[in-house]
Protein backbone atom coordinates (compact mmCIF):
# COMPACT_ATOMS: atom_id res chain seq x y z
CA MET A 1 9.56 16.94 -21.41
CA THR A 2 7.27 14.18 -20.12
CA LYS A 3 8.49 12.60 -16.90
CA LYS A 4 8.84 8.83 -16.72
CA ALA A 5 8.10 6.70 -13.66
CA LEU A 6 8.84 3.02 -13.03
CA ILE A 7 6.64 1.20 -10.50
CA THR A 8 7.27 -2.24 -9.03
CA GLY A 9 4.10 -3.79 -7.66
CA ILE A 10 1.91 -1.84 -10.08
CA THR A 11 -0.91 -4.40 -9.86
CA GLY A 12 -1.24 -4.02 -6.08
CA GLN A 13 -3.43 -1.58 -4.20
CA ASP A 14 -0.81 1.16 -3.90
CA GLY A 15 0.75 0.53 -7.29
CA SER A 16 -2.56 0.82 -9.11
CA TYR A 17 -3.49 4.06 -7.34
CA LEU A 18 -0.02 5.49 -7.91
CA ALA A 19 -0.18 4.64 -11.62
CA GLU A 20 -3.57 6.32 -11.85
CA PHE A 21 -2.31 9.40 -10.03
CA LEU A 22 0.87 9.73 -12.12
CA LEU A 23 -1.07 9.33 -15.38
CA TYR A 24 -3.33 12.14 -14.16
CA LYS A 25 -0.17 14.19 -13.55
CA GLY A 26 0.93 13.62 -17.16
CA TYR A 27 3.64 11.01 -16.57
CA GLU A 28 4.64 8.14 -18.81
CA VAL A 29 4.22 5.18 -16.46
CA HIS A 30 6.05 1.86 -16.65
CA GLY A 31 5.07 -1.01 -14.39
CA ILE A 32 6.90 -4.23 -13.57
CA ILE A 33 4.81 -7.38 -13.27
CA ARG A 34 5.91 -10.86 -12.27
CA LYS A 35 5.68 -13.83 -14.60
CA SER A 36 3.06 -15.89 -12.80
CA SER A 37 0.26 -18.22 -13.76
CA ASN A 38 -2.08 -16.55 -11.26
CA PHE A 39 -0.98 -12.99 -12.00
CA THR A 40 -3.88 -10.52 -12.29
CA THR A 41 -4.19 -6.97 -13.63
CA THR A 42 -7.69 -6.43 -12.24
CA ARG A 43 -6.76 -3.26 -10.34
CA ILE A 44 -5.30 -1.56 -13.43
CA ASP A 45 -7.54 -2.92 -16.19
CA HIS A 46 -9.38 0.41 -16.40
CA LEU A 47 -6.02 2.11 -17.09
CA TYR A 48 -4.97 -0.25 -19.89
CA GLN A 49 -3.67 1.31 -23.10
CA ASP A 50 -2.76 -0.55 -26.28
CA PRO A 51 1.04 -0.17 -26.54
CA HIS A 52 0.70 -0.13 -30.34
CA GLU A 53 -1.38 3.03 -30.30
CA LYS A 54 0.17 6.47 -30.66
CA GLY A 55 0.24 8.47 -27.44
CA THR A 56 0.26 5.47 -25.11
CA THR A 57 1.48 6.44 -21.64
CA LEU A 58 1.19 3.18 -19.68
CA PHE A 59 3.54 0.27 -20.35
CA LEU A 60 3.80 -3.07 -18.52
CA HIS A 61 7.00 -5.13 -18.41
CA TYR A 62 7.62 -8.69 -17.26
CA ASP A 63 10.76 -8.76 -15.15
CA ASP A 64 12.58 -10.61 -12.40
CA LEU A 65 13.23 -8.26 -9.50
CA THR A 66 15.86 -10.60 -8.08
CA SER A 67 18.05 -10.33 -11.19
CA LEU A 68 20.54 -7.47 -11.34
CA GLU A 69 21.00 -8.00 -15.07
CA THR A 70 17.33 -7.74 -16.01
CA ILE A 71 16.71 -4.75 -13.72
CA ASN A 72 19.75 -3.03 -15.21
CA SER A 73 18.50 -3.68 -18.72
CA LEU A 74 15.01 -2.34 -17.96
CA ILE A 75 16.16 0.81 -16.18
CA SER A 76 18.71 1.54 -18.91
CA ARG A 77 16.03 1.13 -21.58
CA ILE A 78 13.33 3.21 -19.87
CA GLU A 79 15.58 5.87 -18.26
CA PRO A 80 12.99 6.71 -15.57
CA ASP A 81 13.01 9.97 -13.64
CA GLU A 82 11.40 8.28 -10.64
CA ILE A 83 11.34 4.71 -9.35
CA TYR A 84 8.75 3.54 -6.83
CA ASN A 85 9.59 0.19 -5.23
CA LEU A 86 6.20 -1.04 -4.02
CA GLY A 87 6.50 -4.72 -4.94
CA ALA A 88 6.48 -7.01 -1.90
CA GLN A 89 5.16 -10.07 -0.15
CA SER A 90 3.02 -7.88 2.05
CA HIS A 91 1.17 -10.31 4.33
CA VAL A 92 2.59 -10.37 7.85
CA HIS A 93 0.97 -13.71 8.72
CA THR A 94 2.29 -15.30 5.51
CA SER A 95 5.81 -14.11 6.33
CA PHE A 96 5.89 -16.46 9.33
CA GLN A 97 5.04 -19.36 7.02
CA LEU A 98 7.32 -18.30 4.16
CA PRO A 99 10.22 -16.33 5.68
CA GLU A 100 12.76 -17.17 2.95
CA TYR A 101 10.42 -16.20 0.13
CA THR A 102 9.46 -13.00 1.97
CA THR A 103 13.14 -12.12 2.39
CA THR A 104 13.89 -12.69 -1.29
CA ILE A 105 10.99 -10.60 -2.57
CA ASN A 106 11.10 -7.79 0.00
CA SER A 107 14.84 -7.32 0.51
CA VAL A 108 16.73 -8.47 -2.56
CA ALA A 109 14.79 -6.34 -5.07
CA ASN A 110 15.46 -3.18 -3.06
CA THR A 111 19.21 -3.81 -3.09
CA LYS A 112 19.29 -4.79 -6.75
CA ILE A 113 17.59 -1.57 -7.83
CA LEU A 114 19.80 0.60 -5.64
CA GLU A 115 22.88 -1.20 -6.93
CA VAL A 116 21.82 -0.55 -10.55
CA LEU A 117 21.44 3.14 -9.72
CA ARG A 118 24.91 3.15 -8.19
CA GLN A 119 26.59 1.26 -11.02
CA THR A 120 24.98 3.22 -13.85
CA GLY A 121 25.08 6.64 -12.24
CA SER A 122 21.37 7.05 -12.97
CA LYS A 123 19.83 10.23 -11.57
CA ALA A 124 16.46 8.57 -11.02
CA LYS A 125 14.85 9.40 -7.69
CA PHE A 126 14.06 6.28 -5.66
CA TYR A 127 11.13 5.65 -3.30
CA GLN A 128 11.15 2.65 -0.95
CA ALA A 129 7.86 1.45 0.52
CA SER A 130 8.66 0.94 4.19
CA SER A 131 6.14 -0.12 6.82
CA SER A 132 4.89 0.82 10.28
CA GLU A 133 5.35 -2.87 11.17
CA MET A 134 9.06 -2.03 11.60
CA PHE A 135 8.17 -0.29 14.88
CA GLY A 136 6.84 -3.57 16.30
CA LYS A 137 6.61 -3.43 20.07
CA THR A 138 7.68 0.22 20.37
CA SER A 139 4.98 2.20 22.19
CA PRO A 140 2.87 4.65 20.16
CA PRO A 141 2.82 7.26 18.81
CA GLN A 142 5.64 6.31 16.45
CA SER A 143 7.66 8.83 14.44
CA GLU A 144 10.81 8.84 12.32
CA LYS A 145 12.82 9.00 15.55
CA SER A 146 11.13 6.04 17.26
CA THR A 147 12.97 2.81 17.97
CA MET A 148 12.50 0.03 15.42
CA ALA A 149 11.61 -3.28 17.11
CA PRO A 150 10.21 -5.59 14.39
CA ARG A 151 8.07 -8.56 15.41
CA SER A 152 7.72 -10.56 12.18
CA PRO A 153 9.81 -11.76 9.24
CA TYR A 154 7.89 -9.26 7.10
CA ALA A 155 8.86 -6.36 9.35
CA ILE A 156 12.49 -7.48 9.46
CA THR A 157 12.72 -7.58 5.66
CA LYS A 158 11.24 -4.12 5.49
CA LEU A 159 13.73 -2.86 8.06
CA TYR A 160 16.58 -4.28 5.97
CA SER A 161 15.38 -2.38 2.91
CA TYR A 162 14.82 0.76 4.98
CA TRP A 163 18.45 0.79 6.12
CA MET A 164 19.81 -0.14 2.69
CA THR A 165 17.96 2.84 1.25
CA ILE A 166 19.52 5.15 3.82
CA ASN A 167 22.95 3.59 3.32
CA TYR A 168 22.92 4.08 -0.46
CA ARG A 169 21.68 7.64 0.00
CA GLU A 170 24.48 8.52 2.39
CA ALA A 171 27.27 6.48 0.78
CA TYR A 172 26.61 7.23 -2.91
CA ASN A 173 24.57 10.43 -2.87
CA ILE A 174 21.56 8.69 -4.47
CA PHE A 175 18.18 10.40 -4.12
CA ALA A 176 16.61 7.60 -2.09
CA THR A 177 13.75 8.04 0.35
CA ASN A 178 11.66 5.85 2.66
CA GLY A 179 7.94 6.25 3.11
CA ILE A 180 7.06 4.61 6.45
CA LEU A 181 3.38 4.05 5.85
CA PHE A 182 0.90 3.02 8.47
CA ASN A 183 -2.11 0.92 7.44
CA HIS A 184 -3.94 2.38 4.46
CA GLU A 185 -7.10 0.88 3.05
CA SER A 186 -9.45 1.08 0.08
CA PRO A 187 -11.81 -1.02 -2.06
CA ARG A 188 -8.67 -2.32 -3.79
CA ARG A 189 -7.19 -3.71 -0.58
CA GLY A 190 -6.33 -7.41 -0.75
CA GLU A 191 -9.12 -9.60 0.59
CA THR A 192 -6.95 -11.25 3.24
CA PHE A 193 -6.17 -7.93 4.98
CA VAL A 194 -8.41 -7.50 8.00
CA THR A 195 -10.35 -4.40 6.91
CA ARG A 196 -11.21 -5.82 3.50
CA LYS A 197 -11.89 -9.22 5.03
CA ILE A 198 -14.46 -7.53 7.25
CA THR A 199 -16.14 -5.39 4.56
CA LYS A 200 -16.21 -8.24 2.04
CA ALA A 201 -17.77 -10.58 4.61
CA ILE A 202 -20.42 -8.00 5.47
CA ALA A 203 -21.43 -7.73 1.82
CA LYS A 204 -21.62 -11.53 1.56
CA ILE A 205 -23.68 -11.76 4.75
CA LYS A 206 -26.10 -9.16 3.38
CA ALA A 207 -26.28 -11.16 0.16
CA GLY A 208 -27.05 -14.34 2.09
CA ILE A 209 -23.99 -16.24 0.86
CA GLN A 210 -21.95 -16.16 4.10
CA GLU A 211 -22.94 -16.47 7.73
CA LYS A 212 -19.74 -16.24 9.81
CA LEU A 213 -16.60 -14.10 9.80
CA TYR A 214 -13.53 -15.63 11.45
CA LEU A 215 -10.92 -13.26 12.86
CA GLY A 216 -7.89 -13.31 15.16
CA ASN A 217 -6.83 -10.73 17.74
CA LEU A 218 -9.64 -8.18 18.11
CA GLU A 219 -7.62 -6.02 20.53
CA SER A 220 -4.87 -5.06 18.06
CA LYS A 221 -4.88 -1.31 17.42
CA ARG A 222 -4.01 0.19 14.06
CA ASP A 223 -3.84 3.61 12.43
CA TRP A 224 -5.98 3.23 9.28
CA GLY A 225 -5.91 5.77 6.43
CA PHE A 226 -7.19 6.03 2.85
CA ALA A 227 -4.73 4.63 0.30
CA PRO A 228 -5.21 7.23 -2.50
CA GLU A 229 -4.08 9.97 -0.11
CA TYR A 230 -0.93 8.01 0.70
CA VAL A 231 0.22 7.58 -2.90
CA GLU A 232 -0.03 11.33 -3.34
CA ALA A 233 2.47 11.66 -0.48
CA MET A 234 4.81 9.14 -2.14
CA TRP A 235 4.94 11.41 -5.17
CA GLN A 236 5.41 14.50 -2.99
CA MET A 237 8.49 12.92 -1.37
CA LEU A 238 10.22 12.63 -4.75
CA GLN A 239 9.47 16.27 -5.62
CA LEU A 240 11.66 17.55 -2.78
CA ASP A 241 15.09 19.01 -3.47
CA HIS A 242 16.72 16.64 -0.98
CA PRO A 243 15.77 13.07 -0.02
CA ASP A 244 14.42 12.26 3.42
CA ASP A 245 12.30 9.69 5.26
CA PHE A 246 8.70 10.26 6.32
CA VAL A 247 6.12 8.58 8.54
CA LEU A 248 2.60 8.68 7.07
CA GLY A 249 -0.49 8.04 9.15
CA THR A 250 -3.61 9.71 10.50
CA GLY A 251 -2.59 9.93 14.16
CA ASN A 252 -5.74 8.05 15.19
CA SER A 253 -5.90 4.36 16.04
CA TYR A 254 -8.73 1.88 16.52
CA THR A 255 -8.93 -1.73 17.64
CA VAL A 256 -10.02 -4.44 15.23
CA LYS A 257 -13.07 -4.85 17.47
CA GLU A 258 -13.98 -1.19 16.98
CA CYS A 259 -13.58 -1.61 13.23
CA VAL A 260 -15.85 -4.65 13.26
CA ALA A 261 -18.50 -2.96 15.39
CA TYR A 262 -18.61 0.18 13.26
CA ALA A 263 -18.68 -1.74 9.98
CA PHE A 264 -21.52 -4.07 11.01
CA ASP A 265 -23.49 -1.18 12.49
CA TYR A 266 -23.28 0.68 9.15
CA VAL A 267 -25.44 -2.03 7.56
CA ASN A 268 -27.59 -2.63 10.66
CA LEU A 269 -26.11 -5.99 11.59
CA ASP A 270 -25.13 -7.26 15.05
CA TRP A 271 -21.47 -8.27 14.74
CA LYS A 272 -21.65 -10.57 17.77
CA LYS A 273 -24.01 -12.85 15.83
CA HIS A 274 -21.57 -13.27 12.96
CA VAL A 275 -17.98 -12.90 14.22
CA GLU A 276 -16.03 -15.76 15.75
CA ILE A 277 -12.41 -15.99 16.90
CA ASP A 278 -10.09 -18.49 15.23
CA PRO A 279 -6.71 -18.94 16.97
CA LYS A 280 -5.00 -19.70 13.65
CA TYR A 281 -5.22 -16.01 12.77
CA PHE A 282 -3.16 -14.94 15.78
CA ARG A 283 0.48 -14.09 15.03
CA PRO A 284 3.29 -15.91 16.88
CA THR A 285 4.47 -12.46 17.99
CA GLU A 286 1.81 -9.76 18.06
CA VAL A 287 2.16 -6.03 17.44
CA ASN A 288 -0.30 -4.52 19.90
CA SER A 289 -0.58 -0.88 18.88
CA LEU A 290 0.51 1.32 15.97
CA GLU A 291 -0.30 5.02 15.76
CA ALA A 292 1.55 7.54 13.62
CA ASN A 293 3.11 10.87 14.49
CA SER A 294 3.20 12.43 11.00
CA ALA A 295 4.19 15.94 12.06
CA LYS A 296 7.26 15.87 9.79
CA ALA A 297 5.20 15.00 6.70
CA LYS A 298 2.63 17.65 7.56
CA ASN A 299 5.34 20.29 7.93
CA ASN A 300 7.60 19.33 5.01
CA LEU A 301 5.11 17.92 2.52
CA GLN A 302 2.01 19.83 3.62
CA TRP A 303 0.38 16.40 3.72
CA ASN A 304 -2.74 16.15 5.84
CA PRO A 305 -5.03 13.13 5.39
CA LYS A 306 -8.68 14.13 5.17
CA VAL A 307 -10.60 10.85 4.85
CA SER A 308 -11.69 9.57 8.25
CA PHE A 309 -11.66 5.98 9.45
CA GLU A 310 -15.46 5.95 9.44
CA ASN A 311 -15.66 7.11 5.82
CA ILE A 312 -13.04 4.57 4.72
CA ILE A 313 -15.20 1.75 6.11
CA LYS A 314 -18.31 3.16 4.41
CA ILE A 315 -16.48 3.48 1.07
CA MET A 316 -15.25 -0.12 1.25
CA ILE A 317 -18.60 -1.62 2.29
CA ASP A 318 -20.50 0.29 -0.40
CA SER A 319 -18.03 -0.93 -3.00
CA ASP A 320 -18.17 -4.57 -1.86
CA MET A 321 -21.97 -4.50 -1.78
CA GLN A 322 -22.12 -2.99 -5.25
CA GLU A 323 -19.71 -5.65 -6.54
CA LEU A 324 -22.15 -8.35 -5.42
CA GLY A 325 -25.07 -6.62 -7.11
CA LEU A 326 -26.52 -5.24 -3.89
CA THR A 327 -27.76 -1.69 -3.42
CA PRO A 328 -25.11 0.00 -1.25
CA VAL A 329 -26.01 2.09 1.77
CA GLY A 330 -24.57 4.95 -0.25
CA GLU A 331 -22.80 7.18 2.27
CA GLY A 332 -19.33 6.03 1.17
CA LYS A 333 -20.07 6.50 -2.52
CA ASP A 334 -21.55 9.95 -1.86
CA PHE A 335 -18.48 10.95 0.14
CA ILE A 336 -16.12 10.09 -2.74
CA ASP A 337 -18.32 11.78 -5.33
CA LYS A 338 -18.41 14.99 -3.30
CA ASN A 339 -14.93 15.14 -1.79
CA TYR A 340 -12.42 13.02 -3.66
CA ASN A 341 -13.23 12.76 -7.33
CA VAL A 342 -10.39 14.65 -9.07
CA TRP A 343 -8.29 11.65 -10.11
CA TYR A 344 -9.97 8.88 -8.12
CA PRO A 345 -13.69 8.75 -8.97
CA TYR A 346 -15.75 6.13 -7.16
CA ASN A 347 -16.30 4.01 -10.28
CA ASN A 348 -12.53 3.44 -10.67
CA LYS A 349 -12.70 0.85 -7.91
CA LEU A 350 -11.72 -2.10 -10.11
């Protein structure tokens, strides 16, 4: 029998890759999208299937993730085998400006879904997208046993959902798991996230339509991986016999400055001529360094990320250059074509 999966946040970076991966695995995929005037399906347009056609395996549903009644109705109608809660207000800087909205989107939906599973007795397996930002000021490397010391409203909302997931698992025997993901990037990354902001700016500078790139703290260190590899691990977590929580990351970290320098060097540009610091991009409370210890995931899931930081940057720059009609350097595209083209070919960027 065909498995069914329900994904919140299906139009985001992770949601779109997860949908693509699950369709490749033969799933019937259902995605929840918000009713919004500026809502976009760009990342999943290449997956679109006419729901009127026979054999359709991708379905999109408008829903309110803050309403217990509507979530209950949707889950009861679909009867999913797996639920992936990826929907969120995911910008740390924005969470300082909109803490109430961030709390509503990131925390309430998690509890509503878990409560529906409890009330209905559904046997659906539940995945919660947690974040390395929960570790905050805790010194690296960070593992499942590290202290959580969040430094932003975003991180606090994620920590709430992390503990609610564990509580419902232990109190009601629900298969509920947390994936504590460190930064993971791709050509589908939102343009306000620092890696994509950098690669997009480089393409525009090469095209002659932008001169300067404004950034905040260049000394922040992050553990950056390749998003398609991380959604595979999400799926692997729900294939286990018993639920558990896993840290996912590469175990290598780089400063924003190192990211900038490598990215500009890839296209033969001097970053110091184009990058300027703007204090408005500094956080009120900074997280200085995040680096994953993913030994548990490697041992229990046999998950071992293979795409290096350098190749991620090349992939993203090539894609952004191509999007602007420029001839890409080509090393990123070649890497995908040769090493990672089973379910995520290079031309599935958009």
